[in-house]
Amino acid sequence: MTVADSKLIPLLRGCLAAGLYAVAVFMLLPALPAVGEESTPTSDPDTAAGAALCLVLSTLLLAAAAGVARKWKAVRVVCLIHLAIVVMIATRVASPF
């Protein structure tokens, strides 16, 4: 491994982690309209199911970003904050089941 390779690998890992985290954040946006909606017989169950899918995908992408950037402590803090936001949104979205 050359000196250029040893500096390039952390840069690529950082870019990949940033990209995965950005997609995880944007996956939360479609779930926001479902926050606070009550599940009634006349409400659309697809809204709750779509929000649940977005929350699951956001969590999976967040786990991938944390896995890629496992050595950086700042990423752990950001991921924990993001996970807390996901949990807060998930508790306010009606269950699709």
PDB file of N, CA and C in Angstrom:
ATOM      1  N   MET A   1       0.845  -1.163   0.000  1.00  0.00           N
ATOM      2  CA  MET A   1       0.000   0.000   0.000  1.00  0.00           C
ATOM      3  C   MET A   1       0.900   1.239   0.000  1.00  0.00           C
ATOM      4  N   THR A   2       0.571   2.173  -0.843  1.00  0.00           N
ATOM      5  CA  THR A   2       1.378   3.381  -0.940  1.00  0.00           C
ATOM      6  C   THR A   2       0.832   4.439   0.008  1.00  0.00           C
ATOM      7  N   VAL A   3       1.589   5.530   0.114  1.00  0.00           N
ATOM      8  CA  VAL A   3       1.181   6.632   0.982  1.00  0.00           C
ATOM      9  C   VAL A   3      -0.116   7.255   0.477  1.00  0.00           C
ATOM     10  N   ALA A   4      -0.263   7.356  -0.842  1.00  0.00           N
ATOM     11  CA  ALA A   4      -1.488   7.931  -1.408  1.00  0.00           C
ATOM     12  C   ALA A   4      -2.703   7.058  -1.095  1.00  0.00           C
ATOM     13  N   ASP A   5      -2.521   5.744  -1.128  1.00  0.00           N
ATOM     14  CA  ASP A   5      -3.623   4.840  -0.791  1.00  0.00           C
ATOM     15  C   ASP A   5      -4.028   4.960   0.670  1.00  0.00           C
ATOM     16  N   SER A   6      -3.054   5.124   1.549  1.00  0.00           N
ATOM     17  CA  SER A   6      -3.377   5.192   2.977  1.00  0.00           C
ATOM     18  C   SER A   6      -4.131   6.473   3.314  1.00  0.00           C
ATOM     19  N   LYS A   7      -3.959   7.536   2.528  1.00  0.00           N
ATOM     20  CA  LYS A   7      -4.719   8.765   2.757  1.00  0.00           C
ATOM     21  C   LYS A   7      -6.042   8.757   2.003  1.00  0.00           C
ATOM     22  N   LEU A   8      -6.116   7.977   0.956  1.00  0.00           N
ATOM     23  CA  LEU A   8      -7.319   7.948   0.133  1.00  0.00           C
ATOM     24  C   LEU A   8      -8.426   7.115   0.775  1.00  0.00           C
ATOM     25  N   ILE A   9      -8.071   6.040   1.444  1.00  0.00           N
ATOM     26  CA  ILE A   9      -9.081   5.150   2.025  1.00  0.00           C
ATOM     27  C   ILE A   9      -9.923   5.845   3.100  1.00  0.00           C
ATOM     28  N   PRO A  10      -9.340   6.566   4.061  1.00  0.00           N
ATOM     29  CA  PRO A  10     -10.190   7.272   5.031  1.00  0.00           C
ATOM     30  C   PRO A  10     -11.063   8.346   4.369  1.00  0.00           C
ATOM     31  N   LEU A  11     -10.555   8.982   3.331  1.00  0.00           N
ATOM     32  CA  LEU A  11     -11.341   9.983   2.617  1.00  0.00           C
ATOM     33  C   LEU A  11     -12.547   9.340   1.938  1.00  0.00           C
ATOM     34  N   LEU A  12     -12.335   8.197   1.310  1.00  0.00           N
ATOM     35  CA  LEU A  12     -13.442   7.491   0.672  1.00  0.00           C
ATOM     36  C   LEU A  12     -14.451   6.980   1.701  1.00  0.00           C
ATOM     37  N   ARG A  13     -13.964   6.490   2.832  1.00  0.00           N
ATOM     38  CA  ARG A  13     -14.873   6.048   3.885  1.00  0.00           C
ATOM     39  C   ARG A  13     -15.686   7.213   4.436  1.00  0.00           C
ATOM     40  N   GLY A  14     -15.061   8.357   4.585  1.00  0.00           N
ATOM     41  CA  GLY A  14     -15.765   9.536   5.058  1.00  0.00           C
ATOM     42  C   GLY A  14     -16.824  10.006   4.070  1.00  0.00           C
ATOM     43  N   CYS A  15     -16.490   9.987   2.792  1.00  0.00           N
ATOM     44  CA  CYS A  15     -17.462  10.374   1.761  1.00  0.00           C
ATOM     45  C   CYS A  15     -18.624   9.387   1.707  1.00  0.00           C
ATOM     46  N   LEU A  16     -18.333   8.105   1.824  1.00  0.00           N
ATOM     47  CA  LEU A  16     -19.388   7.097   1.818  1.00  0.00           C
ATOM     48  C   LEU A  16     -20.289   7.242   3.040  1.00  0.00           C
ATOM     49  N   ALA A  17     -19.694   7.470   4.208  1.00  0.00           N
ATOM     50  CA  ALA A  17     -20.488   7.649   5.429  1.00  0.00           C
ATOM     51  C   ALA A  17     -21.354   8.904   5.328  1.00  0.00           C
ATOM     52  N   ALA A  18     -20.802   9.979   4.785  1.00  0.00           N
ATOM     53  CA  ALA A  18     -21.577  11.213   4.631  1.00  0.00           C
ATOM     54  C   ALA A  18     -22.726  11.020   3.653  1.00  0.00           C
ATOM     55  N   GLY A  19     -22.479  10.287   2.581  1.00  0.00           N
ATOM     56  CA  GLY A  19     -23.539  10.020   1.607  1.00  0.00           C
ATOM     57  C   GLY A  19     -24.643   9.155   2.189  1.00  0.00           C
ATOM     58  N   LEU A  20     -24.262   8.113   2.913  1.00  0.00           N
ATOM     59  CA  LEU A  20     -25.264   7.250   3.554  1.00  0.00           C
ATOM     60  C   LEU A  20     -26.072   8.020   4.587  1.00  0.00           C
ATOM     61  N   TYR A  21     -25.409   8.885   5.348  1.00  0.00           N
ATOM     62  CA  TYR A  21     -26.129   9.664   6.341  1.00  0.00           C
ATOM     63  C   TYR A  21     -27.082  10.665   5.681  1.00  0.00           C
ATOM     64  N   ALA A  22     -26.655  11.272   4.596  1.00  0.00           N
ATOM     65  CA  ALA A  22     -27.526  12.220   3.882  1.00  0.00           C
ATOM     66  C   ALA A  22     -28.781  11.517   3.365  1.00  0.00           C
ATOM     67  N   VAL A  23     -28.624  10.326   2.834  1.00  0.00           N
ATOM     68  CA  VAL A  23     -29.790   9.577   2.352  1.00  0.00           C
ATOM     69  C   VAL A  23     -30.680   9.182   3.534  1.00  0.00           C
ATOM     70  N   ALA A  24     -30.079   8.841   4.670  1.00  0.00           N
ATOM     71  CA  ALA A  24     -30.862   8.499   5.860  1.00  0.00           C
ATOM     72  C   ALA A  24     -31.689   9.693   6.330  1.00  0.00           C
ATOM     73  N   VAL A  25     -31.116  10.884   6.272  1.00  0.00           N
ATOM     74  CA  VAL A  25     -31.855  12.092   6.660  1.00  0.00           C
ATOM     75  C   VAL A  25     -32.995  12.348   5.681  1.00  0.00           C
ATOM     76  N   PHE A  26     -32.734  12.212   4.394  1.00  0.00           N
ATOM     77  CA  PHE A  26     -33.782  12.464   3.405  1.00  0.00           C
ATOM     78  C   PHE A  26     -34.871  11.394   3.423  1.00  0.00           C
ATOM     79  N   MET A  27     -34.569  10.220   3.976  1.00  0.00           N
ATOM     80  CA  MET A  27     -35.606   9.193   4.113  1.00  0.00           C
ATOM     81  C   MET A  27     -36.577   9.531   5.248  1.00  0.00           C
ATOM     82  N   LEU A  28     -36.189  10.417   6.147  1.00  0.00           N
ATOM     83  CA  LEU A  28     -37.102  10.837   7.205  1.00  0.00           C
ATOM     84  C   LEU A  28     -38.168  11.806   6.693  1.00  0.00           C
ATOM     85  N   LEU A  29     -37.857  12.561   5.672  1.00  0.00           N
ATOM     86  CA  LEU A  29     -38.777  13.594   5.191  1.00  0.00           C
ATOM     87  C   LEU A  29     -40.139  13.056   4.750  1.00  0.00           C
ATOM     88  N   PRO A  30     -40.226  11.929   4.012  1.00  0.00           N
ATOM     89  CA  PRO A  30     -41.559  11.434   3.647  1.00  0.00           C
ATOM     90  C   PRO A  30     -42.383  10.936   4.835  1.00  0.00           C
ATOM     91  N   ALA A  31     -41.746  10.646   5.952  1.00  0.00           N
ATOM     92  CA  ALA A  31     -42.484  10.170   7.126  1.00  0.00           C
ATOM     93  C   ALA A  31     -43.097  11.315   7.922  1.00  0.00           C
ATOM     94  N   LEU A  32     -42.632  12.525   7.733  1.00  0.00           N
ATOM     95  CA  LEU A  32     -43.117  13.647   8.535  1.00  0.00           C
ATOM     96  C   LEU A  32     -44.595  13.976   8.332  1.00  0.00           C
ATOM     97  N   PRO A  33     -45.168  13.868   7.123  1.00  0.00           N
ATOM     98  CA  PRO A  33     -46.604  14.160   7.004  1.00  0.00           C
ATOM     99  C   PRO A  33     -47.493  13.188   7.784  1.00  0.00           C
ATOM    100  N   ALA A  34     -47.008  12.026   8.119  1.00  0.00           N
ATOM    101  CA  ALA A  34     -47.808  11.044   8.853  1.00  0.00           C
ATOM    102  C   ALA A  34     -47.748  11.252  10.366  1.00  0.00           C
ATOM    103  N   VAL A  35     -46.918  12.187  10.820  1.00  0.00           N
ATOM    104  CA  VAL A  35     -46.789  12.430  12.252  1.00  0.00           C
ATOM    105  C   VAL A  35     -48.067  13.082  12.767  1.00  0.00           C
ATOM    106  N   GLY A  36     -48.617  12.513  13.815  1.00  0.00           N
ATOM    107  CA  GLY A  36     -49.792  13.081  14.449  1.00  0.00           C
ATOM    108  C   GLY A  36     -51.114  12.666  13.843  1.00  0.00           C
ATOM    109  N   GLU A  37     -51.105  11.921  12.738  1.00  0.00           N
ATOM    110  CA  GLU A  37     -52.362  11.462  12.153  1.00  0.00           C
ATOM    111  C   GLU A  37     -52.911  10.302  12.962  1.00  0.00           C
ATOM    112  N   GLU A  38     -54.200  10.334  13.174  1.00  0.00           N
ATOM    113  CA  GLU A  38     -54.842   9.244  13.905  1.00  0.00           C
ATOM    114  C   GLU A  38     -55.269   8.166  12.926  1.00  0.00           C
ATOM    115  N   SER A  39     -55.169   6.955  13.362  1.00  0.00           N
ATOM    116  CA  SER A  39     -55.585   5.829  12.535  1.00  0.00           C
ATOM    117  C   SER A  39     -57.076   5.594  12.746  1.00  0.00           C
ATOM    118  N   THR A  40     -57.873   5.935  11.763  1.00  0.00           N
ATOM    119  CA  THR A  40     -59.314   5.728  11.821  1.00  0.00           C
ATOM    120  C   THR A  40     -59.720   4.832  10.660  1.00  0.00           C
ATOM    121  N   PRO A  41     -60.919   4.292  10.670  1.00  0.00           N
ATOM    122  CA  PRO A  41     -61.339   3.441   9.560  1.00  0.00           C
ATOM    123  C   PRO A  41     -61.368   4.160   8.211  1.00  0.00           C
ATOM    124  N   THR A  42     -61.504   5.476   8.236  1.00  0.00           N
ATOM    125  CA  THR A  42     -61.534   6.217   6.975  1.00  0.00           C
ATOM    126  C   THR A  42     -60.170   6.758   6.574  1.00  0.00           C
ATOM    127  N   SER A  43     -59.164   6.633   7.436  1.00  0.00           N
ATOM    128  CA  SER A  43     -57.834   7.145   7.083  1.00  0.00           C
ATOM    129  C   SER A  43     -57.132   6.181   6.128  1.00  0.00           C
ATOM    130  N   ASP A  44     -56.176   6.710   5.428  1.00  0.00           N
ATOM    131  CA  ASP A  44     -55.451   5.936   4.429  1.00  0.00           C
ATOM    132  C   ASP A  44     -54.377   5.085   5.116  1.00  0.00           C
ATOM    133  N   PRO A  45     -54.474   3.763   5.063  1.00  0.00           N
ATOM    134  CA  PRO A  45     -53.448   2.933   5.712  1.00  0.00           C
ATOM    135  C   PRO A  45     -52.117   2.975   4.970  1.00  0.00           C
ATOM    136  N   ASP A  46     -52.137   3.389   3.717  1.00  0.00           N
ATOM    137  CA  ASP A  46     -50.884   3.472   2.967  1.00  0.00           C
ATOM    138  C   ASP A  46     -49.967   4.564   3.512  1.00  0.00           C
ATOM    139  N   THR A  47     -50.536   5.605   4.080  1.00  0.00           N
ATOM    140  CA  THR A  47     -49.725   6.674   4.655  1.00  0.00           C
ATOM    141  C   THR A  47     -48.911   6.143   5.824  1.00  0.00           C
ATOM    142  N   ALA A  48     -49.545   5.408   6.708  1.00  0.00           N
ATOM    143  CA  ALA A  48     -48.836   4.843   7.861  1.00  0.00           C
ATOM    144  C   ALA A  48     -47.823   3.793   7.415  1.00  0.00           C
ATOM    145  N   ALA A  49     -48.182   2.982   6.441  1.00  0.00           N
ATOM    146  CA  ALA A  49     -47.248   1.955   5.957  1.00  0.00           C
ATOM    147  C   ALA A  49     -46.044   2.596   5.270  1.00  0.00           C
ATOM    148  N   GLY A  50     -46.278   3.638   4.494  1.00  0.00           N
ATOM    149  CA  GLY A  50     -45.171   4.341   3.841  1.00  0.00           C
ATOM    150  C   GLY A  50     -44.257   5.012   4.842  1.00  0.00           C
ATOM    151  N   ALA A  51     -44.837   5.600   5.874  1.00  0.00           N
ATOM    152  CA  ALA A  51     -44.026   6.230   6.913  1.00  0.00           C
ATOM    153  C   ALA A  51     -43.196   5.186   7.649  1.00  0.00           C
ATOM    154  N   ALA A  52     -43.799   4.040   7.937  1.00  0.00           N
ATOM    155  CA  ALA A  52     -43.056   2.976   8.618  1.00  0.00           C
ATOM    156  C   ALA A  52     -41.904   2.467   7.747  1.00  0.00           C
ATOM    157  N   LEU A  53     -42.151   2.322   6.456  1.00  0.00           N
ATOM    158  CA  LEU A  53     -41.092   1.891   5.539  1.00  0.00           C
ATOM    159  C   LEU A  53     -39.956   2.911   5.496  1.00  0.00           C
ATOM    160  N   CYS A  54     -40.303   4.186   5.439  1.00  0.00           N
ATOM    161  CA  CYS A  54     -39.277   5.229   5.422  1.00  0.00           C
ATOM    162  C   CYS A  54     -38.458   5.227   6.706  1.00  0.00           C
ATOM    163  N   LEU A  55     -39.104   4.998   7.834  1.00  0.00           N
ATOM    164  CA  LEU A  55     -38.381   4.955   9.105  1.00  0.00           C
ATOM    165  C   LEU A  55     -37.451   3.746   9.180  1.00  0.00           C
ATOM    166  N   VAL A  56     -37.898   2.614   8.671  1.00  0.00           N
ATOM    167  CA  VAL A  56     -37.044   1.421   8.663  1.00  0.00           C
ATOM    168  C   VAL A  56     -35.846   1.622   7.739  1.00  0.00           C
ATOM    169  N   LEU A  57     -36.087   2.157   6.556  1.00  0.00           N
ATOM    170  CA  LEU A  57     -34.976   2.399   5.628  1.00  0.00           C
ATOM    171  C   LEU A  57     -33.999   3.430   6.180  1.00  0.00           C
ATOM    172  N   SER A  58     -34.520   4.458   6.828  1.00  0.00           N
ATOM    173  CA  SER A  58     -33.643   5.459   7.429  1.00  0.00           C
ATOM    174  C   SER A  58     -32.775   4.840   8.506  1.00  0.00           C
ATOM    175  N   THR A  59     -33.348   3.962   9.307  1.00  0.00           N
ATOM    176  CA  THR A  59     -32.584   3.303  10.369  1.00  0.00           C
ATOM    177  C   THR A  59     -31.521   2.371   9.785  1.00  0.00           C
ATOM    178  N   LEU A  60     -31.862   1.648   8.728  1.00  0.00           N
ATOM    179  CA  LEU A  60     -30.872   0.764   8.091  1.00  0.00           C
ATOM    180  C   LEU A  60     -29.722   1.562   7.476  1.00  0.00           C
ATOM    181  N   LEU A  61     -30.043   2.669   6.819  1.00  0.00           N
ATOM    182  CA  LEU A  61     -28.995   3.508   6.241  1.00  0.00           C
ATOM    183  C   LEU A  61     -28.143   4.147   7.336  1.00  0.00           C
ATOM    184  N   LEU A  62     -28.768   4.491   8.444  1.00  0.00           N
ATOM    185  CA  LEU A  62     -28.028   5.046   9.575  1.00  0.00           C
ATOM    186  C   LEU A  62     -27.058   4.013  10.136  1.00  0.00           C
ATOM    187  N   ALA A  63     -27.508   2.766  10.245  1.00  0.00           N
ATOM    188  CA  ALA A  63     -26.628   1.697  10.726  1.00  0.00           C
ATOM    189  C   ALA A  63     -25.471   1.467   9.759  1.00  0.00           C
ATOM    190  N   ALA A  64     -25.740   1.558   8.466  1.00  0.00           N
ATOM    191  CA  ALA A  64     -24.665   1.403   7.479  1.00  0.00           C
ATOM    192  C   ALA A  64     -23.656   2.545   7.591  1.00  0.00           C
ATOM    193  N   ALA A  65     -24.139   3.759   7.775  1.00  0.00           N
ATOM    194  CA  ALA A  65     -23.231   4.902   7.927  1.00  0.00           C
ATOM    195  C   ALA A  65     -22.392   4.763   9.195  1.00  0.00           C
ATOM    196  N   ALA A  66     -23.000   4.304  10.272  1.00  0.00           N
ATOM    197  CA  ALA A  66     -22.243   4.106  11.513  1.00  0.00           C
ATOM    198  C   ALA A  66     -21.227   2.983  11.357  1.00  0.00           C
ATOM    199  N   GLY A  67     -21.571   1.964  10.585  1.00  0.00           N
ATOM    200  CA  GLY A  67     -20.634   0.868  10.355  1.00  0.00           C
ATOM    201  C   GLY A  67     -19.440   1.290   9.523  1.00  0.00           C
ATOM    202  N   VAL A  68     -19.681   2.121   8.530  1.00  0.00           N
ATOM    203  CA  VAL A  68     -18.588   2.591   7.681  1.00  0.00           C
ATOM    204  C   VAL A  68     -17.655   3.507   8.477  1.00  0.00           C
ATOM    205  N   ALA A  69     -18.225   4.344   9.330  1.00  0.00           N
ATOM    206  CA  ALA A  69     -17.434   5.317  10.091  1.00  0.00           C
ATOM    207  C   ALA A  69     -17.295   4.899  11.541  1.00  0.00           C
ATOM    208  N   ARG A  70     -17.002   3.638  11.773  1.00  0.00           N
ATOM    209  CA  ARG A  70     -17.014   3.103  13.135  1.00  0.00           C
ATOM    210  C   ARG A  70     -15.917   3.677  14.023  1.00  0.00           C
ATOM    211  N   LYS A  71     -14.853   4.224  13.461  1.00  0.00           N
ATOM    212  CA  LYS A  71     -13.742   4.702  14.270  1.00  0.00           C
ATOM    213  C   LYS A  71     -13.904   6.156  14.725  1.00  0.00           C
ATOM    214  N   TRP A  72     -14.830   6.887  14.100  1.00  0.00           N
ATOM    215  CA  TRP A  72     -14.966   8.303  14.406  1.00  0.00           C
ATOM    216  C   TRP A  72     -16.036   8.524  15.463  1.00  0.00           C
ATOM    217  N   LYS A  73     -15.642   9.113  16.600  1.00  0.00           N
ATOM    218  CA  LYS A  73     -16.564   9.294  17.722  1.00  0.00           C
ATOM    219  C   LYS A  73     -17.636  10.329  17.416  1.00  0.00           C
ATOM    220  N   ALA A  74     -17.310  11.330  16.619  1.00  0.00           N
ATOM    221  CA  ALA A  74     -18.299  12.358  16.275  1.00  0.00           C
ATOM    222  C   ALA A  74     -19.464  11.756  15.487  1.00  0.00           C
ATOM    223  N   VAL A  75     -19.169  10.774  14.658  1.00  0.00           N
ATOM    224  CA  VAL A  75     -20.228  10.115  13.888  1.00  0.00           C
ATOM    225  C   VAL A  75     -21.147   9.339  14.814  1.00  0.00           C
ATOM    226  N   ARG A  76     -20.602   8.745  15.837  1.00  0.00           N
ATOM    227  CA  ARG A  76     -21.437   8.020  16.801  1.00  0.00           C
ATOM    228  C   ARG A  76     -22.433   8.958  17.472  1.00  0.00           C
ATOM    229  N   VAL A  77     -21.998  10.142  17.823  1.00  0.00           N
ATOM    230  CA  VAL A  77     -22.880  11.115  18.470  1.00  0.00           C
ATOM    231  C   VAL A  77     -23.978  11.551  17.513  1.00  0.00           C
ATOM    232  N   VAL A  78     -23.609  11.844  16.281  1.00  0.00           N
ATOM    233  CA  VAL A  78     -24.594  12.267  15.284  1.00  0.00           C
ATOM    234  C   VAL A  78     -25.592  11.141  15.014  1.00  0.00           C
ATOM    235  N   CYS A  79     -25.114   9.926  14.929  1.00  0.00           N
ATOM    236  CA  CYS A  79     -26.003   8.785  14.686  1.00  0.00           C
ATOM    237  C   CYS A  79     -26.944   8.544  15.859  1.00  0.00           C
ATOM    238  N   LEU A  80     -26.480   8.740  17.074  1.00  0.00           N
ATOM    239  CA  LEU A  80     -27.354   8.580  18.234  1.00  0.00           C
ATOM    240  C   LEU A  80     -28.434   9.657  18.270  1.00  0.00           C
ATOM    241  N   ILE A  81     -28.080  10.873  17.900  1.00  0.00           N
ATOM    242  CA  ILE A  81     -29.073  11.947  17.829  1.00  0.00           C
ATOM    243  C   ILE A  81     -30.104  11.636  16.751  1.00  0.00           C
ATOM    244  N   HIS A  82     -29.628  11.177  15.606  1.00  0.00           N
ATOM    245  CA  HIS A  82     -30.537  10.819  14.511  1.00  0.00           C
ATOM    246  C   HIS A  82     -31.447   9.664  14.931  1.00  0.00           C
ATOM    247  N   LEU A  83     -30.904   8.692  15.611  1.00  0.00           N
ATOM    248  CA  LEU A  83     -31.705   7.564  16.073  1.00  0.00           C
ATOM    249  C   LEU A  83     -32.776   8.008  17.073  1.00  0.00           C
ATOM    250  N   ALA A  84     -32.436   8.965  17.933  1.00  0.00           N
ATOM    251  CA  ALA A  84     -33.430   9.506  18.864  1.00  0.00           C
ATOM    252  C   ALA A  84     -34.555  10.211  18.112  1.00  0.00           C
ATOM    253  N   ILE A  85     -34.218  10.921  17.046  1.00  0.00           N
ATOM    254  CA  ILE A  85     -35.244  11.579  16.224  1.00  0.00           C
ATOM    255  C   ILE A  85     -36.121  10.541  15.538  1.00  0.00           C
ATOM    256  N   VAL A  86     -35.532   9.470  15.047  1.00  0.00           N
ATOM    257  CA  VAL A  86     -36.310   8.401  14.413  1.00  0.00           C
ATOM    258  C   VAL A  86     -37.284   7.790  15.418  1.00  0.00           C
ATOM    259  N   VAL A  87     -36.829   7.561  16.629  1.00  0.00           N
ATOM    260  CA  VAL A  87     -37.701   6.982  17.654  1.00  0.00           C
ATOM    261  C   VAL A  87     -38.830   7.946  17.994  1.00  0.00           C
ATOM    262  N   MET A  88     -38.530   9.237  18.091  1.00  0.00           N
ATOM    263  CA  MET A  88     -39.574  10.223  18.380  1.00  0.00           C
ATOM    264  C   MET A  88     -40.618  10.256  17.270  1.00  0.00           C
ATOM    265  N   ILE A  89     -40.183  10.203  16.025  1.00  0.00           N
ATOM    266  CA  ILE A  89     -41.128  10.208  14.899  1.00  0.00           C
ATOM    267  C   ILE A  89     -41.927   8.907  14.889  1.00  0.00           C
ATOM    268  N   ALA A  90     -41.260   7.799  15.152  1.00  0.00           N
ATOM    269  CA  ALA A  90     -41.945   6.499  15.117  1.00  0.00           C
ATOM    270  C   ALA A  90     -43.029   6.399  16.177  1.00  0.00           C
ATOM    271  N   THR A  91     -42.838   7.043  17.308  1.00  0.00           N
ATOM    272  CA  THR A  91     -43.859   6.987  18.352  1.00  0.00           C
ATOM    273  C   THR A  91     -45.058   7.873  18.033  1.00  0.00           C
ATOM    274  N   ARG A  92     -44.907   8.799  17.101  1.00  0.00           N
ATOM    275  CA  ARG A  92     -45.995   9.711  16.754  1.00  0.00           C
ATOM    276  C   ARG A  92     -46.706   9.346  15.450  1.00  0.00           C
ATOM    277  N   VAL A  93     -46.248   8.294  14.795  1.00  0.00           N
ATOM    278  CA  VAL A  93     -46.869   7.837  13.548  1.00  0.00           C
ATOM    279  C   VAL A  93     -47.802   6.676  13.881  1.00  0.00           C
ATOM    280  N   ALA A  94     -48.972   6.688  13.279  1.00  0.00           N
ATOM    281  CA  ALA A  94     -49.921   5.615  13.516  1.00  0.00           C
ATOM    282  C   ALA A  94     -49.365   4.287  13.007  1.00  0.00           C
ATOM    283  N   SER A  95     -49.669   3.215  13.696  1.00  0.00           N
ATOM    284  CA  SER A  95     -49.179   1.900  13.316  1.00  0.00           C
ATOM    285  C   SER A  95     -49.925   1.398  12.072  1.00  0.00           C
ATOM    286  N   PRO A  96     -49.203   0.868  11.102  1.00  0.00           N
ATOM    287  CA  PRO A  96     -49.882   0.355   9.898  1.00  0.00           C
ATOM    288  C   PRO A  96     -50.518  -1.016  10.118  1.00  0.00           C
ATOM    289  N   PHE A  97     -50.308  -1.616  11.268  1.00  0.00           N
ATOM    290  CA  PHE A  97     -50.802  -2.971  11.523  1.00  0.00           C
ATOM    291  C   PHE A  97     -52.076  -2.954  12.324  1.00  0.00           C
TER     292      PHE A  97
END
